[in-house]
Each structure stands twice: as C-alpha cells, then as structure tokens.
Amino acid sequence: MKLFIYCAGGFGKEIMDVARRINNLENRWDEICFIDDNPCLGNVFHGTKLLTFDKVLDQYNINTFEISIANGEPAIKKSLYDRINHAGAKLATLVDHTATVSPSAKLGKGVTVSACCFISSSAVIGDNTILNTNALVGHDVILADNCVISSAVNIGGNCSIGESSYIGMGSQIKQGITIGKDVIIGMGSVVYNDIPSGVIALGNPARPMKANQDKKVFKN
C-alpha cells in the first residue's frame, strides 16, 4: 500500500512527518509520495515523488494506495475530498502515536490527528477533518466534515462545530458552544457564545466581524 499526500506545501511537509512517524512503528506503507495539480512544481517535492492526481489514477491501481489531504483551507479540503470520493479512491486516517484518542471516540474517513493531540470520550470527528499539534477536544464534542482545528486549540465538552469551519491557533471554546458551518474563528479567540454559520469571528469574547463570503482563510 502507498500513501499519497495531496497538496505539496508546508502543511504537506507536516503531514509527511506524521506519516513517517506512523510508518516507523507500523510499516503501513511501502512508499509515501505527494500529489499536486500545479504543473509548475515539477515531479519532486520534499525529496520524494510528486504526481498530479490524474497521473496517479493512470499509473496505479485504485486499490493499491490511499490519500491524505494536506490543505489548511476547509473549502479546498472539501473540493479535494469530493474529487477523491468521485474517483473511488480511499482516504487515509492518520493518528500520530503521541496523540491520545479515547476508545469511545469516533473518527471519520481521512481524519488526521497530529502530535500530542487529545480527543476525549464520545467525541465524534467528521470525515476529512484535521487536528493540528496539541489540539484538545473535550467529551461529546461533534466536529463536522472538512474542519481544520489549528494548533493549541482547546474545545470544551459538548461543543458542536459545523462543516468546513476553521478554528485558529490557540483559540479557546467554552463547553456547550455551537459554531455553525463555514465559520472562521480568528487566532487566539475566546468563544463564550454560539457563533452562527458563514461568519468570521474573533476576539475575547469572540464576536462575528463580517460574512465569510470568500470562504478563504489564507489570503495569499
């Protein structure tokens, strides 16, 4: 079995590190490579093979590889997730061996749990959601599909976060809070109250500042 990391960038390098740590202990893949559809990147990235998604489908049997999506934009993650599912390819769930995941927690397809994360009892992590380093997820939390939970985020128990939402680094979310879909929570925010769908919110306490019209976290 091969692992392809979809998106050759800084986040992809981090996912490569997670995958290599897993592979050192489990010997799960015989090769770890990258996918990216930008033709300007060439055929090598971070010292390993780089192919477009179409070339992967042409060159490999669909049953011989799985894919991890390495992109920090929820909207792009969703687009790639839909493309992979349409092609019938398998999504890889990656859990770093330094992470703690409760036996009663449920992880969806294509989830990535990075180093030193903690997922508490009865939490549900939706498909294609990523928890970056040192993220904490309390009991009975529900994270919908295609979410990005950044480093050092603390989500209190019984919270619910909607599809394709992004929680910025170091944010704190009070227990029992509901955050809608397509939301961006700015870095270092403290969320005391529910946040409606489709907004950008930040501050202490976090307040909606404007509509998330572009559905884009990073502006470059």
Protein backbone atom coordinates (compact mmCIF):
# COMPACT_ATOMS: atom_id res chain seq x y z
CA MET A 1 0.00 0.00 0.00
CA LYS A 2 1.18 3.51 -0.90
CA LEU A 3 0.26 6.81 0.74
CA PHE A 4 -0.18 9.95 -1.34
CA ILE A 5 -0.28 13.30 0.47
CA TYR A 6 -2.50 15.62 -1.57
CA CYS A 7 -1.03 19.17 -1.68
CA ALA A 8 2.68 19.86 -1.84
CA GLY A 9 3.22 22.72 0.59
CA GLY A 10 4.16 23.47 4.19
CA PHE A 11 1.15 21.60 5.57
CA GLY A 12 2.04 18.68 3.33
CA LYS A 13 5.50 18.54 4.89
CA GLU A 14 3.92 18.37 8.34
CA ILE A 15 1.61 15.54 7.28
CA MET A 16 4.63 13.75 5.82
CA ASP A 17 6.29 13.90 9.24
CA VAL A 18 3.18 12.39 10.87
CA ALA A 19 3.02 9.66 8.23
CA ARG A 20 6.69 8.80 8.62
CA ARG A 21 6.35 8.51 12.39
CA ILE A 22 3.40 6.17 11.92
CA ASN A 23 5.29 4.16 9.31
CA ASN A 24 8.35 3.77 11.53
CA LEU A 25 6.20 1.89 14.04
CA GLU A 26 3.59 0.20 11.84
CA ASN A 27 5.30 -0.26 8.45
CA ARG A 28 1.93 0.65 6.95
CA TRP A 29 3.06 1.93 3.53
CA ASP A 30 5.82 0.86 1.17
CA GLU A 31 6.04 4.37 -0.31
CA ILE A 32 4.92 7.87 0.73
CA CYS A 33 4.64 10.46 -2.06
CA PHE A 34 2.89 13.72 -2.91
CA ILE A 35 0.04 14.74 -5.20
CA ASP A 36 -0.35 18.27 -6.51
CA ASP A 37 -2.07 19.57 -9.62
CA ASN A 38 0.18 22.62 -10.05
CA PRO A 39 2.31 21.82 -13.13
CA CYS A 40 4.97 24.34 -12.09
CA LEU A 41 6.08 22.18 -9.13
CA GLY A 42 7.81 19.54 -11.26
CA ASN A 43 7.97 15.87 -10.25
CA VAL A 44 9.83 16.01 -6.92
CA PHE A 45 8.82 17.72 -3.66
CA HIS A 46 10.45 17.49 -0.23
CA GLY A 47 12.77 14.79 -1.55
CA THR A 48 10.07 12.45 -2.80
CA LYS A 49 7.93 11.74 -5.84
CA LEU A 50 5.29 14.28 -6.91
CA LEU A 51 2.47 13.42 -9.32
CA THR A 52 -0.78 15.01 -10.42
CA PHE A 53 -3.98 13.30 -9.33
CA ASP A 54 -4.76 12.26 -12.90
CA LYS A 55 -1.34 10.61 -13.25
CA VAL A 56 -1.86 8.70 -10.01
CA LEU A 57 -5.15 7.36 -11.35
CA ASP A 58 -3.47 6.43 -14.64
CA GLN A 59 -0.40 4.76 -13.15
CA TYR A 60 -1.72 2.97 -10.05
CA ASN A 61 -4.49 0.52 -9.29
CA ILE A 62 -7.10 2.27 -7.14
CA ASN A 63 -6.77 -0.47 -4.52
CA THR A 64 -3.03 -0.01 -4.03
CA PHE A 65 -2.97 3.46 -2.47
CA GLU A 66 -4.70 5.78 -0.02
CA ILE A 67 -4.70 9.56 0.19
CA SER A 68 -4.32 12.13 2.97
CA ILE A 69 -5.48 15.67 2.18
CA ALA A 70 -2.93 18.22 3.43
CA ASN A 71 -4.56 21.61 2.98
CA GLY A 72 -5.46 24.17 5.61
CA GLU A 73 -8.37 25.72 3.67
CA PRO A 74 -11.64 23.97 4.53
CA ALA A 75 -13.23 24.83 1.18
CA ILE A 76 -10.30 23.34 -0.73
CA LYS A 77 -10.28 20.31 1.57
CA LYS A 78 -13.95 19.71 0.72
CA SER A 79 -13.30 20.07 -3.02
CA LEU A 80 -10.43 17.56 -2.92
CA TYR A 81 -12.45 15.21 -0.70
CA ASP A 82 -15.28 15.21 -3.24
CA ARG A 83 -12.85 14.59 -6.09
CA ILE A 84 -11.21 11.65 -4.34
CA ASN A 85 -14.55 10.10 -3.44
CA HIS A 86 -15.81 10.53 -7.00
CA ALA A 87 -12.74 8.66 -8.27
CA GLY A 88 -13.36 5.84 -5.79
CA ALA A 89 -10.02 6.26 -4.05
CA LYS A 90 -9.51 5.56 -0.35
CA LEU A 91 -8.86 8.27 2.23
CA ALA A 92 -6.21 7.56 4.88
CA THR A 93 -6.83 8.26 8.56
CA LEU A 94 -3.60 9.24 10.28
CA VAL A 95 -3.20 9.31 14.06
CA ASP A 96 0.19 10.30 15.44
CA HIS A 97 1.44 7.87 18.08
CA THR A 98 1.92 10.73 20.55
CA ALA A 99 -1.81 11.57 20.38
CA THR A 100 -4.37 10.24 22.88
CA VAL A 101 -7.73 9.16 21.45
CA SER A 102 -10.46 7.82 23.74
CA PRO A 103 -11.67 4.31 22.84
CA SER A 104 -15.20 5.72 22.75
CA ALA A 105 -14.35 8.49 20.28
CA LYS A 106 -15.26 8.03 16.61
CA LEU A 107 -13.02 9.15 13.75
CA GLY A 108 -14.31 9.52 10.20
CA LYS A 109 -12.58 8.86 6.90
CA GLY A 110 -9.46 10.85 6.11
CA VAL A 111 -9.04 12.33 9.58
CA THR A 112 -5.58 13.48 10.65
CA VAL A 113 -4.69 13.71 14.34
CA SER A 114 -1.29 15.35 14.75
CA ALA A 115 1.30 15.14 17.50
CA CYS A 116 0.24 15.47 21.15
CA CYS A 117 -3.47 15.94 20.47
CA PHE A 118 -6.11 14.73 22.93
CA ILE A 119 -9.59 13.52 21.95
CA SER A 120 -11.84 12.77 24.90
CA SER A 121 -14.67 10.31 25.43
CA SER A 122 -17.55 10.04 22.96
CA ALA A 123 -16.20 12.78 20.69
CA VAL A 124 -17.12 12.45 17.01
CA ILE A 125 -14.64 13.69 14.40
CA GLY A 126 -16.10 14.04 10.91
CA ASP A 127 -14.56 12.98 7.61
CA ASN A 128 -11.54 14.88 6.29
CA THR A 129 -11.08 16.89 9.49
CA ILE A 130 -7.62 17.68 10.82
CA LEU A 131 -6.46 18.36 14.36
CA ASN A 132 -3.10 20.06 14.35
CA THR A 133 -0.45 19.79 17.07
CA ASN A 134 -1.59 19.97 20.72
CA ALA A 135 -5.29 20.40 19.94
CA LEU A 136 -7.64 19.28 22.74
CA VAL A 137 -11.16 18.03 22.06
CA GLY A 138 -13.45 17.56 25.07
CA HIS A 139 -16.04 14.88 25.76
CA ASP A 140 -19.07 14.56 23.44
CA VAL A 141 -17.74 17.18 21.02
CA ILE A 142 -19.00 16.88 17.45
CA LEU A 143 -16.74 18.16 14.67
CA ALA A 144 -18.40 18.01 11.25
CA ASP A 145 -16.68 17.11 7.96
CA ASN A 146 -13.84 19.14 6.43
CA CYS A 147 -12.94 21.14 9.53
CA VAL A 148 -9.48 22.45 10.37
CA ILE A 149 -8.62 22.67 14.08
CA SER A 150 -5.33 24.53 14.42
CA SER A 151 -2.51 24.03 16.92
CA ALA A 152 -3.17 24.52 20.65
CA VAL A 153 -6.94 24.88 20.27
CA ASN A 154 -8.97 23.81 23.33
CA ILE A 155 -12.59 22.76 22.66
CA GLY A 156 -14.67 22.22 25.78
CA GLY A 157 -17.09 19.34 26.24
CA ASN A 158 -20.42 19.11 24.38
CA CYS A 159 -19.43 21.63 21.71
CA SER A 160 -20.55 21.31 18.10
CA ILE A 161 -18.63 22.75 15.14
CA GLY A 162 -20.22 22.80 11.69
CA GLU A 163 -18.90 21.61 8.36
CA SER A 164 -15.91 23.32 6.73
CA SER A 165 -15.10 25.57 9.67
CA TYR A 166 -11.64 26.74 10.66
CA ILE A 167 -10.55 27.33 14.26
CA GLY A 168 -7.41 29.47 14.50
CA MET A 169 -4.33 28.75 16.59
CA GLY A 170 -4.66 28.95 20.34
CA SER A 171 -8.40 29.56 20.38
CA GLN A 172 -10.42 28.52 23.42
CA ILE A 173 -14.03 27.37 23.07
CA LYS A 174 -16.23 27.21 26.15
CA GLN A 175 -18.12 24.00 26.87
CA GLY A 176 -21.52 23.59 25.24
CA ILE A 177 -20.91 26.10 22.43
CA THR A 178 -22.32 25.65 18.91
CA ILE A 179 -20.34 27.04 15.97
CA GLY A 180 -22.02 26.93 12.56
CA LYS A 181 -20.66 25.80 9.21
CA ASP A 182 -18.26 27.81 7.03
CA VAL A 183 -17.02 29.77 10.04
CA ILE A 184 -13.52 31.16 10.61
CA ILE A 185 -12.52 31.71 14.24
CA GLY A 186 -9.50 34.02 14.37
CA MET A 187 -6.26 33.08 16.09
CA GLY A 188 -6.28 33.36 19.87
CA SER A 189 -10.03 33.93 20.15
CA VAL A 190 -12.06 33.01 23.24
CA VAL A 191 -15.53 31.77 22.30
CA TYR A 192 -18.12 32.22 25.09
CA ASN A 193 -21.25 32.36 22.91
CA ASP A 194 -22.65 30.47 19.94
CA ILE A 195 -21.40 31.58 16.52
CA PRO A 196 -23.75 31.47 13.51
CA SER A 197 -22.84 29.94 10.15
CA GLY A 198 -20.95 31.81 7.46
CA VAL A 199 -19.11 34.40 9.51
CA ILE A 200 -15.58 35.39 10.54
CA ALA A 201 -15.40 35.82 14.31
CA LEU A 202 -12.53 36.82 16.58
CA GLY A 203 -11.60 38.45 19.84
CA ASN A 204 -12.15 37.90 23.57
CA PRO A 205 -15.02 37.35 23.72
CA ALA A 206 -15.23 36.29 20.07
CA ARG A 207 -17.78 38.22 18.01
CA PRO A 208 -18.80 37.92 14.35
CA MET A 209 -16.99 40.64 12.42
CA LYS A 210 -18.13 40.05 8.84
CA ALA A 211 -19.53 37.45 6.48
CA ASN A 212 -17.21 34.69 5.31
CA GLN A 213 -18.04 35.39 1.68
CA ASP A 214 -14.79 34.16 0.13
CA LYS A 215 -14.62 31.03 2.32
CA LYS A 216 -10.87 31.57 2.36
CA VAL A 217 -8.65 31.60 5.44
CA PHE A 218 -5.29 32.47 3.90
CA LYS A 219 -5.28 35.47 1.59
CA ASN A 220 -2.04 34.83 -0.34
